[in-house]
Amino acid sequence: METKDKEIEYWCGTSWHGDCVISTIEELRTIFGPPDYVGGIDDKVQFEWLLDLEVSNSLGTNARITIYDWKEYRKYNEDEIIRFHIGGFSNRITKLAKLEIEKLIELYV
């Protein structure tokens, strides 16, 4: 297990509210940098990004979210398309975050 130097407790309590983004590890790495967590094929999560993402709404809200693969339990290529879960503190935030992530993928990849 490898975790970058971030305060993990800050993201504790995020959960999946049904929103996902279809992407590759390489695309997410291009946009958000290296993953904050890298696990093994026996882990429920192999790649995870911990993000403060500005979401487009009238308040210019920052959303504390996580983007992670879930229960793949296999080795895969970094350019393979994967369904990544979006974790957050509410359904509204994860829906807004999904829209922002999809815009970023479209712009930068």
PDB file of N, CA and C in Angstrom:
ATOM      1  N   MET A   1       0.839  -1.183   0.000  1.00  0.00           N
ATOM      2  CA  MET A   1       0.000   0.000   0.000  1.00  0.00           C
ATOM      3  C   MET A   1       0.880   1.240   0.000  1.00  0.00           C
ATOM      4  N   GLU A   2       0.511   2.201  -0.814  1.00  0.00           N
ATOM      5  CA  GLU A   2       1.267   3.439  -0.909  1.00  0.00           C
ATOM      6  C   GLU A   2       0.277   4.604  -0.877  1.00  0.00           C
ATOM      7  N   THR A   3       0.507   5.571  -0.027  1.00  0.00           N
ATOM      8  CA  THR A   3      -0.350   6.748   0.051  1.00  0.00           C
ATOM      9  C   THR A   3       0.517   7.988   0.010  1.00  0.00           C
ATOM     10  N   LYS A   4       0.123   8.964  -0.832  1.00  0.00           N
ATOM     11  CA  LYS A   4       0.866  10.219  -0.879  1.00  0.00           C
ATOM     12  C   LYS A   4       0.673  10.967   0.430  1.00  0.00           C
ATOM     13  N   ASP A   5       1.455  12.008   0.615  1.00  0.00           N
ATOM     14  CA  ASP A   5       1.464  12.760   1.862  1.00  0.00           C
ATOM     15  C   ASP A   5       0.273  13.728   1.939  1.00  0.00           C
ATOM     16  N   LYS A   6      -0.898  13.215   2.248  1.00  0.00           N
ATOM     17  CA  LYS A   6      -2.093  14.026   2.468  1.00  0.00           C
ATOM     18  C   LYS A   6      -2.715  13.574   3.767  1.00  0.00           C
ATOM     19  N   GLU A   7      -3.476  14.447   4.374  1.00  0.00           N
ATOM     20  CA  GLU A   7      -4.159  14.065   5.599  1.00  0.00           C
ATOM     21  C   GLU A   7      -5.399  13.260   5.236  1.00  0.00           C
ATOM     22  N   ILE A   8      -5.294  11.953   5.353  1.00  0.00           N
ATOM     23  CA  ILE A   8      -6.349  11.028   4.950  1.00  0.00           C
ATOM     24  C   ILE A   8      -7.650  11.307   5.713  1.00  0.00           C
ATOM     25  N   GLU A   9      -7.551  11.704   6.961  1.00  0.00           N
ATOM     26  CA  GLU A   9      -8.742  11.948   7.778  1.00  0.00           C
ATOM     27  C   GLU A   9      -9.667  12.989   7.147  1.00  0.00           C
ATOM     28  N   TYR A  10      -9.086  13.906   6.379  1.00  0.00           N
ATOM     29  CA  TYR A  10      -9.850  14.964   5.720  1.00  0.00           C
ATOM     30  C   TYR A  10     -10.896  14.378   4.780  1.00  0.00           C
ATOM     31  N   TRP A  11     -10.596  13.223   4.179  1.00  0.00           N
ATOM     32  CA  TRP A  11     -11.519  12.589   3.238  1.00  0.00           C
ATOM     33  C   TRP A  11     -12.323  11.471   3.886  1.00  0.00           C
ATOM     34  N   CYS A  12     -12.076  11.154   5.140  1.00  0.00           N
ATOM     35  CA  CYS A  12     -12.831  10.087   5.804  1.00  0.00           C
ATOM     36  C   CYS A  12     -14.308  10.446   5.834  1.00  0.00           C
ATOM     37  N   GLY A  13     -15.127   9.489   5.544  1.00  0.00           N
ATOM     38  CA  GLY A  13     -16.572   9.710   5.565  1.00  0.00           C
ATOM     39  C   GLY A  13     -17.180   9.908   4.194  1.00  0.00           C
ATOM     40  N   THR A  14     -16.333  10.038   3.157  1.00  0.00           N
ATOM     41  CA  THR A  14     -16.916  10.100   1.818  1.00  0.00           C
ATOM     42  C   THR A  14     -17.468   8.719   1.494  1.00  0.00           C
ATOM     43  N   SER A  15     -18.517   8.702   0.690  1.00  0.00           N
ATOM     44  CA  SER A  15     -19.097   7.424   0.300  1.00  0.00           C
ATOM     45  C   SER A  15     -19.668   7.532  -1.106  1.00  0.00           C
ATOM     46  N   TRP A  16     -19.946   6.384  -1.661  1.00  0.00           N
ATOM     47  CA  TRP A  16     -20.467   6.304  -3.012  1.00  0.00           C
ATOM     48  C   TRP A  16     -21.968   6.551  -2.984  1.00  0.00           C
ATOM     49  N   HIS A  17     -22.428   7.446  -3.838  1.00  0.00           N
ATOM     50  CA  HIS A  17     -23.854   7.778  -3.929  1.00  0.00           C
ATOM     51  C   HIS A  17     -24.432   7.381  -5.285  1.00  0.00           C
ATOM     52  N   GLY A  18     -23.747   6.482  -5.982  1.00  0.00           N
ATOM     53  CA  GLY A  18     -24.249   5.964  -7.244  1.00  0.00           C
ATOM     54  C   GLY A  18     -23.614   6.569  -8.487  1.00  0.00           C
ATOM     55  N   ASP A  19     -22.719   7.541  -8.327  1.00  0.00           N
ATOM     56  CA  ASP A  19     -22.106   8.195  -9.488  1.00  0.00           C
ATOM     57  C   ASP A  19     -20.752   7.583  -9.805  1.00  0.00           C
ATOM     58  N   CYS A  20     -20.526   7.397 -11.102  1.00  0.00           N
ATOM     59  CA  CYS A  20     -19.269   6.840 -11.600  1.00  0.00           C
ATOM     60  C   CYS A  20     -18.813   7.641 -12.804  1.00  0.00           C
ATOM     61  N   VAL A  21     -17.553   7.496 -13.118  1.00  0.00           N
ATOM     62  CA  VAL A  21     -16.980   8.081 -14.323  1.00  0.00           C
ATOM     63  C   VAL A  21     -16.213   6.977 -15.039  1.00  0.00           C
ATOM     64  N   ILE A  22     -16.349   6.954 -16.348  1.00  0.00           N
ATOM     65  CA  ILE A  22     -15.647   5.975 -17.165  1.00  0.00           C
ATOM     66  C   ILE A  22     -14.372   6.642 -17.673  1.00  0.00           C
ATOM     67  N   SER A  23     -13.234   6.051 -17.332  1.00  0.00           N
ATOM     68  CA  SER A  23     -11.958   6.655 -17.688  1.00  0.00           C
ATOM     69  C   SER A  23     -10.872   5.593 -17.606  1.00  0.00           C
ATOM     70  N   THR A  24      -9.652   6.026 -17.858  1.00  0.00           N
ATOM     71  CA  THR A  24      -8.493   5.156 -17.672  1.00  0.00           C
ATOM     72  C   THR A  24      -7.644   5.728 -16.541  1.00  0.00           C
ATOM     73  N   ILE A  25      -6.779   4.922 -16.001  1.00  0.00           N
ATOM     74  CA  ILE A  25      -5.847   5.392 -14.973  1.00  0.00           C
ATOM     75  C   ILE A  25      -4.975   6.494 -15.567  1.00  0.00           C
ATOM     76  N   GLU A  26      -4.515   6.300 -16.785  1.00  0.00           N
ATOM     77  CA  GLU A  26      -3.643   7.277 -17.435  1.00  0.00           C
ATOM     78  C   GLU A  26      -4.351   8.617 -17.630  1.00  0.00           C
ATOM     79  N   GLU A  27      -5.627   8.600 -18.023  1.00  0.00           N
ATOM     80  CA  GLU A  27      -6.377   9.854 -18.177  1.00  0.00           C
ATOM     81  C   GLU A  27      -6.496  10.586 -16.847  1.00  0.00           C
ATOM     82  N   LEU A  28      -6.853   9.855 -15.800  1.00  0.00           N
ATOM     83  CA  LEU A  28      -6.982  10.492 -14.484  1.00  0.00           C
ATOM     84  C   LEU A  28      -5.634  11.000 -13.991  1.00  0.00           C
ATOM     85  N   ARG A  29      -4.578  10.262 -14.271  1.00  0.00           N
ATOM     86  CA  ARG A  29      -3.224  10.702 -13.892  1.00  0.00           C
ATOM     87  C   ARG A  29      -2.852  11.980 -14.640  1.00  0.00           C
ATOM     88  N   THR A  30      -3.216  12.080 -15.913  1.00  0.00           N
ATOM     89  CA  THR A  30      -2.933  13.283 -16.697  1.00  0.00           C
ATOM     90  C   THR A  30      -3.641  14.496 -16.101  1.00  0.00           C
ATOM     91  N   ILE A  31      -4.855  14.318 -15.650  1.00  0.00           N
ATOM     92  CA  ILE A  31      -5.660  15.433 -15.134  1.00  0.00           C
ATOM     93  C   ILE A  31      -5.331  15.762 -13.684  1.00  0.00           C
ATOM     94  N   PHE A  32      -5.241  14.734 -12.828  1.00  0.00           N
ATOM     95  CA  PHE A  32      -5.133  14.952 -11.383  1.00  0.00           C
ATOM     96  C   PHE A  32      -3.770  14.604 -10.789  1.00  0.00           C
ATOM     97  N   GLY A  33      -2.838  14.139 -11.619  1.00  0.00           N
ATOM     98  CA  GLY A  33      -1.541  13.728 -11.101  1.00  0.00           C
ATOM     99  C   GLY A  33      -1.584  12.284 -10.642  1.00  0.00           C
ATOM    100  N   PRO A  34      -0.513  11.830 -10.011  1.00  0.00           N
ATOM    101  CA  PRO A  34      -0.472  10.430  -9.584  1.00  0.00           C
ATOM    102  C   PRO A  34      -1.544  10.141  -8.527  1.00  0.00           C
ATOM    103  N   PRO A  35      -2.003   8.912  -8.458  1.00  0.00           N
ATOM    104  CA  PRO A  35      -3.004   8.573  -7.437  1.00  0.00           C
ATOM    105  C   PRO A  35      -2.443   8.781  -6.033  1.00  0.00           C
ATOM    106  N   ASP A  36      -3.333   9.094  -5.109  1.00  0.00           N
ATOM    107  CA  ASP A  36      -2.939   9.274  -3.713  1.00  0.00           C
ATOM    108  C   ASP A  36      -2.786   7.944  -2.996  1.00  0.00           C
ATOM    109  N   TYR A  37      -3.405   6.917  -3.543  1.00  0.00           N
ATOM    110  CA  TYR A  37      -3.316   5.586  -2.965  1.00  0.00           C
ATOM    111  C   TYR A  37      -3.141   4.589  -4.097  1.00  0.00           C
ATOM    112  N   VAL A  38      -2.221   3.658  -3.925  1.00  0.00           N
ATOM    113  CA  VAL A  38      -2.029   2.562  -4.869  1.00  0.00           C
ATOM    114  C   VAL A  38      -2.001   1.277  -4.060  1.00  0.00           C
ATOM    115  N   GLY A  39      -2.929   0.383  -4.363  1.00  0.00           N
ATOM    116  CA  GLY A  39      -3.000  -0.894  -3.667  1.00  0.00           C
ATOM    117  C   GLY A  39      -2.639  -2.040  -4.593  1.00  0.00           C
ATOM    118  N   GLY A  40      -2.862  -3.243  -4.125  1.00  0.00           N
ATOM    119  CA  GLY A  40      -2.578  -4.442  -4.907  1.00  0.00           C
ATOM    120  C   GLY A  40      -3.848  -5.056  -5.459  1.00  0.00           C
ATOM    121  N   ILE A  41      -3.708  -6.107  -6.253  1.00  0.00           N
ATOM    122  CA  ILE A  41      -4.880  -6.708  -6.887  1.00  0.00           C
ATOM    123  C   ILE A  41      -5.807  -7.393  -5.879  1.00  0.00           C
ATOM    124  N   ASP A  42      -5.351  -7.653  -4.673  1.00  0.00           N
ATOM    125  CA  ASP A  42      -6.202  -8.243  -3.646  1.00  0.00           C
ATOM    126  C   ASP A  42      -6.959  -7.193  -2.832  1.00  0.00           C
ATOM    127  N   ASP A  43      -6.686  -5.920  -3.074  1.00  0.00           N
ATOM    128  CA  ASP A  43      -7.350  -4.837  -2.342  1.00  0.00           C
ATOM    129  C   ASP A  43      -8.648  -4.437  -3.035  1.00  0.00           C
ATOM    130  N   LYS A  44      -9.627  -3.986  -2.260  1.00  0.00           N
ATOM    131  CA  LYS A  44     -10.889  -3.509  -2.838  1.00  0.00           C
ATOM    132  C   LYS A  44     -10.659  -2.303  -3.735  1.00  0.00           C
ATOM    133  N   VAL A  45      -9.692  -1.480  -3.370  1.00  0.00           N
ATOM    134  CA  VAL A  45      -9.337  -0.300  -4.160  1.00  0.00           C
ATOM    135  C   VAL A  45      -7.860  -0.409  -4.540  1.00  0.00           C
ATOM    136  N   GLN A  46      -7.574  -0.268  -5.833  1.00  0.00           N
ATOM    137  CA  GLN A  46      -6.182  -0.314  -6.288  1.00  0.00           C
ATOM    138  C   GLN A  46      -5.640   1.079  -6.584  1.00  0.00           C
ATOM    139  N   PHE A  47      -6.510   1.989  -7.050  1.00  0.00           N
ATOM    140  CA  PHE A  47      -6.104   3.355  -7.372  1.00  0.00           C
ATOM    141  C   PHE A  47      -7.150   4.317  -6.825  1.00  0.00           C
ATOM    142  N   GLU A  48      -6.661   5.343  -6.093  1.00  0.00           N
ATOM    143  CA  GLU A  48      -7.600   6.313  -5.524  1.00  0.00           C
ATOM    144  C   GLU A  48      -6.978   7.703  -5.554  1.00  0.00           C
ATOM    145  N   TRP A  49      -7.784   8.662  -5.957  1.00  0.00           N
ATOM    146  CA  TRP A  49      -7.417  10.072  -5.931  1.00  0.00           C
ATOM    147  C   TRP A  49      -8.268  10.764  -4.876  1.00  0.00           C
ATOM    148  N   LEU A  50      -7.640  11.592  -4.045  1.00  0.00           N
ATOM    149  CA  LEU A  50      -8.314  12.392  -3.019  1.00  0.00           C
ATOM    150  C   LEU A  50      -8.284  13.836  -3.499  1.00  0.00           C
ATOM    151  N   LEU A  51      -9.439  14.410  -3.754  1.00  0.00           N
ATOM    152  CA  LEU A  51      -9.477  15.708  -4.429  1.00  0.00           C
ATOM    153  C   LEU A  51     -10.363  16.722  -3.732  1.00  0.00           C
ATOM    154  N   ASP A  52      -9.922  17.972  -3.774  1.00  0.00           N
ATOM    155  CA  ASP A  52     -10.760  19.132  -3.506  1.00  0.00           C
ATOM    156  C   ASP A  52     -11.066  19.691  -4.880  1.00  0.00           C
ATOM    157  N   LEU A  53     -12.256  19.444  -5.365  1.00  0.00           N
ATOM    158  CA  LEU A  53     -12.609  19.789  -6.736  1.00  0.00           C
ATOM    159  C   LEU A  53     -13.626  20.919  -6.726  1.00  0.00           C
ATOM    160  N   GLU A  54     -13.336  21.992  -7.466  1.00  0.00           N
ATOM    161  CA  GLU A  54     -14.304  23.082  -7.585  1.00  0.00           C
ATOM    162  C   GLU A  54     -15.399  22.633  -8.541  1.00  0.00           C
ATOM    163  N   VAL A  55     -16.631  22.677  -8.050  1.00  0.00           N
ATOM    164  CA  VAL A  55     -17.760  22.250  -8.874  1.00  0.00           C
ATOM    165  C   VAL A  55     -18.545  23.467  -9.334  1.00  0.00           C
ATOM    166  N   SER A  56     -19.076  23.396 -10.539  1.00  0.00           N
ATOM    167  CA  SER A  56     -19.806  24.522 -11.129  1.00  0.00           C
ATOM    168  C   SER A  56     -21.216  24.594 -10.562  1.00  0.00           C
ATOM    169  N   ASN A  57     -21.408  25.563  -9.731  1.00  0.00           N
ATOM    170  CA  ASN A  57     -22.750  25.909  -9.276  1.00  0.00           C
ATOM    171  C   ASN A  57     -22.717  27.383  -8.905  1.00  0.00           C
ATOM    172  N   SER A  58     -23.813  27.921  -8.528  1.00  0.00           N
ATOM    173  CA  SER A  58     -23.880  29.359  -8.268  1.00  0.00           C
ATOM    174  C   SER A  58     -23.009  29.790  -7.097  1.00  0.00           C
ATOM    175  N   LEU A  59     -22.630  28.847  -6.226  1.00  0.00           N
ATOM    176  CA  LEU A  59     -21.820  29.186  -5.059  1.00  0.00           C
ATOM    177  C   LEU A  59     -20.329  28.949  -5.272  1.00  0.00           C
ATOM    178  N   GLY A  60     -19.960  28.309  -6.397  1.00  0.00           N
ATOM    179  CA  GLY A  60     -18.542  27.984  -6.618  1.00  0.00           C
ATOM    180  C   GLY A  60     -18.018  27.054  -5.544  1.00  0.00           C
ATOM    181  N   THR A  61     -18.760  26.046  -5.219  1.00  0.00           N
ATOM    182  CA  THR A  61     -18.461  25.130  -4.129  1.00  0.00           C
ATOM    183  C   THR A  61     -17.237  24.267  -4.404  1.00  0.00           C
ATOM    184  N   ASN A  62     -16.421  24.060  -3.383  1.00  0.00           N
ATOM    185  CA  ASN A  62     -15.370  23.056  -3.449  1.00  0.00           C
ATOM    186  C   ASN A  62     -15.932  21.768  -2.872  1.00  0.00           C
ATOM    187  N   ALA A  63     -15.683  20.683  -3.560  1.00  0.00           N
ATOM    188  CA  ALA A  63     -16.195  19.388  -3.145  1.00  0.00           C
ATOM    189  C   ALA A  63     -15.037  18.478  -2.775  1.00  0.00           C
ATOM    190  N   ARG A  64     -15.080  17.932  -1.589  1.00  0.00           N
ATOM    191  CA  ARG A  64     -14.109  16.926  -1.163  1.00  0.00           C
ATOM    192  C   ARG A  64     -14.605  15.595  -1.706  1.00  0.00           C
ATOM    193  N   ILE A  65     -13.865  15.029  -2.648  1.00  0.00           N
ATOM    194  CA  ILE A  65     -14.307  13.777  -3.257  1.00  0.00           C
ATOM    195  C   ILE A  65     -13.154  12.789  -3.373  1.00  0.00           C
ATOM    196  N   THR A  66     -13.517  11.563  -3.620  1.00  0.00           N
ATOM    197  CA  THR A  66     -12.556  10.519  -3.936  1.00  0.00           C
ATOM    198  C   THR A  66     -12.970   9.899  -5.264  1.00  0.00           C
ATOM    199  N   ILE A  67     -11.987   9.523  -6.057  1.00  0.00           N
ATOM    200  CA  ILE A  67     -12.229   8.786  -7.298  1.00  0.00           C
ATOM    201  C   ILE A  67     -11.448   7.484  -7.144  1.00  0.00           C
ATOM    202  N   TYR A  68     -12.121   6.353  -7.308  1.00  0.00           N
ATOM    203  CA  TYR A  68     -11.463   5.078  -7.047  1.00  0.00           C
ATOM    204  C   TYR A  68     -12.095   3.939  -7.839  1.00  0.00           C
ATOM    205  N   ASP A  69     -11.245   2.974  -8.198  1.00  0.00           N
ATOM    206  CA  ASP A  69     -11.773   1.744  -8.765  1.00  0.00           C
ATOM    207  C   ASP A  69     -12.307   0.916  -7.596  1.00  0.00           C
ATOM    208  N   TRP A  70     -13.239   0.025  -7.847  1.00  0.00           N
ATOM    209  CA  TRP A  70     -13.846  -0.719  -6.751  1.00  0.00           C
ATOM    210  C   TRP A  70     -13.957  -2.194  -7.107  1.00  0.00           C
ATOM    211  N   LYS A  71     -13.289  -3.001  -6.337  1.00  0.00           N
ATOM    212  CA  LYS A  71     -13.371  -4.452  -6.419  1.00  0.00           C
ATOM    213  C   LYS A  71     -13.095  -4.997  -7.818  1.00  0.00           C
ATOM    214  N   GLU A  72     -12.045  -4.518  -8.445  1.00  0.00           N
ATOM    215  CA  GLU A  72     -11.644  -5.070  -9.739  1.00  0.00           C
ATOM    216  C   GLU A  72     -10.929  -6.408  -9.556  1.00  0.00           C
ATOM    217  N   TYR A  73     -10.127  -6.520  -8.497  1.00  0.00           N
ATOM    218  CA  TYR A  73      -9.405  -7.753  -8.159  1.00  0.00           C
ATOM    219  C   TYR A  73      -8.686  -8.381  -9.356  1.00  0.00           C
ATOM    220  N   ARG A  74      -8.052  -7.547 -10.133  1.00  0.00           N
ATOM    221  CA  ARG A  74      -7.308  -8.056 -11.285  1.00  0.00           C
ATOM    222  C   ARG A  74      -6.256  -7.036 -11.683  1.00  0.00           C
ATOM    223  N   LYS A  75      -5.271  -7.495 -12.424  1.00  0.00           N
ATOM    224  CA  LYS A  75      -4.256  -6.588 -12.959  1.00  0.00           C
ATOM    225  C   LYS A  75      -4.798  -6.032 -14.266  1.00  0.00           C
ATOM    226  N   TYR A  76      -4.657  -4.732 -14.449  1.00  0.00           N
ATOM    227  CA  TYR A  76      -5.087  -4.138 -15.712  1.00  0.00           C
ATOM    228  C   TYR A  76      -4.109  -3.079 -16.166  1.00  0.00           C
ATOM    229  N   ASN A  77      -4.185  -2.759 -17.448  1.00  0.00           N
ATOM    230  CA  ASN A  77      -3.301  -1.761 -18.046  1.00  0.00           C
ATOM    231  C   ASN A  77      -3.791  -0.364 -17.694  1.00  0.00           C
ATOM    232  N   GLU A  78      -2.862   0.577 -17.625  1.00  0.00           N
ATOM    233  CA  GLU A  78      -3.222   1.942 -17.251  1.00  0.00           C
ATOM    234  C   GLU A  78      -3.994   2.672 -18.336  1.00  0.00           C
ATOM    235  N   ASP A  79      -4.051   2.097 -19.548  1.00  0.00           N
ATOM    236  CA  ASP A  79      -4.843   2.712 -20.613  1.00  0.00           C
ATOM    237  C   ASP A  79      -6.154   1.950 -20.859  1.00  0.00           C
ATOM    238  N   GLU A  80      -6.471   1.025 -19.964  1.00  0.00           N
ATOM    239  CA  GLU A  80      -7.713   0.266 -20.048  1.00  0.00           C
ATOM    240  C   GLU A  80      -8.865   1.091 -19.462  1.00  0.00           C
ATOM    241  N   ILE A  81     -10.005   1.074 -20.109  1.00  0.00           N
ATOM    242  CA  ILE A  81     -11.166   1.821 -19.628  1.00  0.00           C
ATOM    243  C   ILE A  81     -11.761   1.091 -18.423  1.00  0.00           C
ATOM    244  N   ILE A  82     -11.964   1.867 -17.354  1.00  0.00           N
ATOM    245  CA  ILE A  82     -12.450   1.328 -16.085  1.00  0.00           C
ATOM    246  C   ILE A  82     -13.580   2.213 -15.570  1.00  0.00           C
ATOM    247  N   ARG A  83     -14.483   1.621 -14.860  1.00  0.00           N
ATOM    248  CA  ARG A  83     -15.566   2.357 -14.188  1.00  0.00           C
ATOM    249  C   ARG A  83     -15.058   2.752 -12.798  1.00  0.00           C
ATOM    250  N   PHE A  84     -14.862   4.064 -12.592  1.00  0.00           N
ATOM    251  CA  PHE A  84     -14.386   4.582 -11.313  1.00  0.00           C
ATOM    252  C   PHE A  84     -15.559   5.152 -10.519  1.00  0.00           C
ATOM    253  N   HIS A  85     -15.625   4.808  -9.246  1.00  0.00           N
ATOM    254  CA  HIS A  85     -16.636   5.363  -8.350  1.00  0.00           C
ATOM    255  C   HIS A  85     -16.226   6.775  -7.933  1.00  0.00           C
ATOM    256  N   ILE A  86     -17.206   7.606  -7.668  1.00  0.00           N
ATOM    257  CA  ILE A  86     -16.978   8.943  -7.117  1.00  0.00           C
ATOM    258  C   ILE A  86     -17.573   8.949  -5.718  1.00  0.00           C
ATOM    259  N   GLY A  87     -16.720   9.170  -4.725  1.00  0.00           N
ATOM    260  CA  GLY A  87     -17.171   9.238  -3.341  1.00  0.00           C
ATOM    261  C   GLY A  87     -17.256  10.687  -2.900  1.00  0.00           C
ATOM    262  N   GLY A  88     -18.247  10.985  -2.092  1.00  0.00           N
ATOM    263  CA  GLY A  88     -18.415  12.341  -1.577  1.00  0.00           C
ATOM    264  C   GLY A  88     -19.291  12.331  -0.343  1.00  0.00           C
ATOM    265  N   PHE A  89     -19.633  13.522   0.122  1.00  0.00           N
ATOM    266  CA  PHE A  89     -20.437  13.638   1.334  1.00  0.00           C
ATOM    267  C   PHE A  89     -21.929  13.764   1.056  1.00  0.00           C
ATOM    268  N   SER A  90     -22.302  13.880  -0.237  1.00  0.00           N
ATOM    269  CA  SER A  90     -23.732  13.921  -0.573  1.00  0.00           C
ATOM    270  C   SER A  90     -23.922  13.546  -2.036  1.00  0.00           C
ATOM    271  N   ASN A  91     -25.126  13.142  -2.347  1.00  0.00           N
ATOM    272  CA  ASN A  91     -25.488  12.802  -3.721  1.00  0.00           C
ATOM    273  C   ASN A  91     -25.354  14.007  -4.629  1.00  0.00           C
ATOM    274  N   ARG A  92     -25.737  15.161  -4.149  1.00  0.00           N
ATOM    275  CA  ARG A  92     -25.654  16.392  -4.951  1.00  0.00           C
ATOM    276  C   ARG A  92     -24.200  16.703  -5.328  1.00  0.00           C
ATOM    277  N   ILE A  93     -23.308  16.584  -4.373  1.00  0.00           N
ATOM    278  CA  ILE A  93     -21.894  16.862  -4.628  1.00  0.00           C
ATOM    279  C   ILE A  93     -21.307  15.871  -5.617  1.00  0.00           C
ATOM    280  N   THR A  94     -21.613  14.580  -5.480  1.00  0.00           N
ATOM    281  CA  THR A  94     -21.020  13.609  -6.403  1.00  0.00           C
ATOM    282  C   THR A  94     -21.572  13.784  -7.815  1.00  0.00           C
ATOM    283  N   LYS A  95     -22.821  14.201  -7.944  1.00  0.00           N
ATOM    284  CA  LYS A  95     -23.380  14.470  -9.277  1.00  0.00           C
ATOM    285  C   LYS A  95     -22.680  15.669  -9.922  1.00  0.00           C
ATOM    286  N   LEU A  96     -22.472  16.742  -9.155  1.00  0.00           N
ATOM    287  CA  LEU A  96     -21.746  17.911  -9.670  1.00  0.00           C
ATOM    288  C   LEU A  96     -20.297  17.543 -10.000  1.00  0.00           C
ATOM    289  N   ALA A  97     -19.672  16.752  -9.140  1.00  0.00           N
ATOM    290  CA  ALA A  97     -18.285  16.339  -9.362  1.00  0.00           C
ATOM    291  C   ALA A  97     -18.180  15.501 -10.638  1.00  0.00           C
ATOM    292  N   LYS A  98     -19.137  14.626 -10.856  1.00  0.00           N
ATOM    293  CA  LYS A  98     -19.124  13.799 -12.070  1.00  0.00           C
ATOM    294  C   LYS A  98     -19.123  14.676 -13.316  1.00  0.00           C
ATOM    295  N   LEU A  99     -19.969  15.701 -13.328  1.00  0.00           N
ATOM    296  CA  LEU A  99     -20.021  16.615 -14.475  1.00  0.00           C
ATOM    297  C   LEU A  99     -18.686  17.314 -14.689  1.00  0.00           C
ATOM    298  N   GLU A 100     -18.061  17.768 -13.610  1.00  0.00           N
ATOM    299  CA  GLU A 100     -16.765  18.451 -13.708  1.00  0.00           C
ATOM    300  C   GLU A 100     -15.673  17.507 -14.198  1.00  0.00           C
ATOM    301  N   ILE A 101     -15.651  16.287 -13.675  1.00  0.00           N
ATOM    302  CA  ILE A 101     -14.638  15.312 -14.083  1.00  0.00           C
ATOM    303  C   ILE A 101     -14.796  14.981 -15.569  1.00  0.00           C
ATOM    304  N   GLU A 102     -16.032  14.792 -15.997  1.00  0.00           N
ATOM    305  CA  GLU A 102     -16.283  14.494 -17.424  1.00  0.00           C
ATOM    306  C   GLU A 102     -15.848  15.666 -18.318  1.00  0.00           C
ATOM    307  N   LYS A 103     -16.066  16.896 -17.867  1.00  0.00           N
ATOM    308  CA  LYS A 103     -15.600  18.074 -18.626  1.00  0.00           C
ATOM    309  C   LYS A 103     -14.080  18.068 -18.721  1.00  0.00           C
ATOM    310  N   LEU A 104     -13.413  17.784 -17.598  1.00  0.00           N
ATOM    311  CA  LEU A 104     -11.945  17.769 -17.584  1.00  0.00           C
ATOM    312  C   LEU A 104     -11.392  16.675 -18.496  1.00  0.00           C
ATOM    313  N   ILE A 105     -12.012  15.507 -18.488  1.00  0.00           N
ATOM    314  CA  ILE A 105     -11.570  14.429 -19.374  1.00  0.00           C
ATOM    315  C   ILE A 105     -11.709  14.867 -20.829  1.00  0.00           C
ATOM    316  N   GLU A 106     -12.817  15.484 -21.140  1.00  0.00           N
ATOM    317  CA  GLU A 106     -13.042  15.953 -22.498  1.00  0.00           C
ATOM    318  C   GLU A 106     -12.038  17.022 -22.917  1.00  0.00           C
ATOM    319  N   LEU A 107     -11.699  17.929 -22.007  1.00  0.00           N
ATOM    320  CA  LEU A 107     -10.773  19.024 -22.308  1.00  0.00           C
ATOM    321  C   LEU A 107      -9.322  18.584 -22.424  1.00  0.00           C
ATOM    322  N   TYR A 108      -8.883  17.721 -21.531  1.00  0.00           N
ATOM    323  CA  TYR A 108      -7.460  17.437 -21.410  1.00  0.00           C
ATOM    324  C   TYR A 108      -7.005  16.110 -21.985  1.00  0.00           C
ATOM    325  N   VAL A 109      -7.907  15.290 -22.408  1.00  0.00           N
ATOM    326  CA  VAL A 109      -7.499  13.961 -22.881  1.00  0.00           C
ATOM    327  C   VAL A 109      -7.867  13.808 -24.345  1.00  0.00           C
TER     328      VAL A 109
END
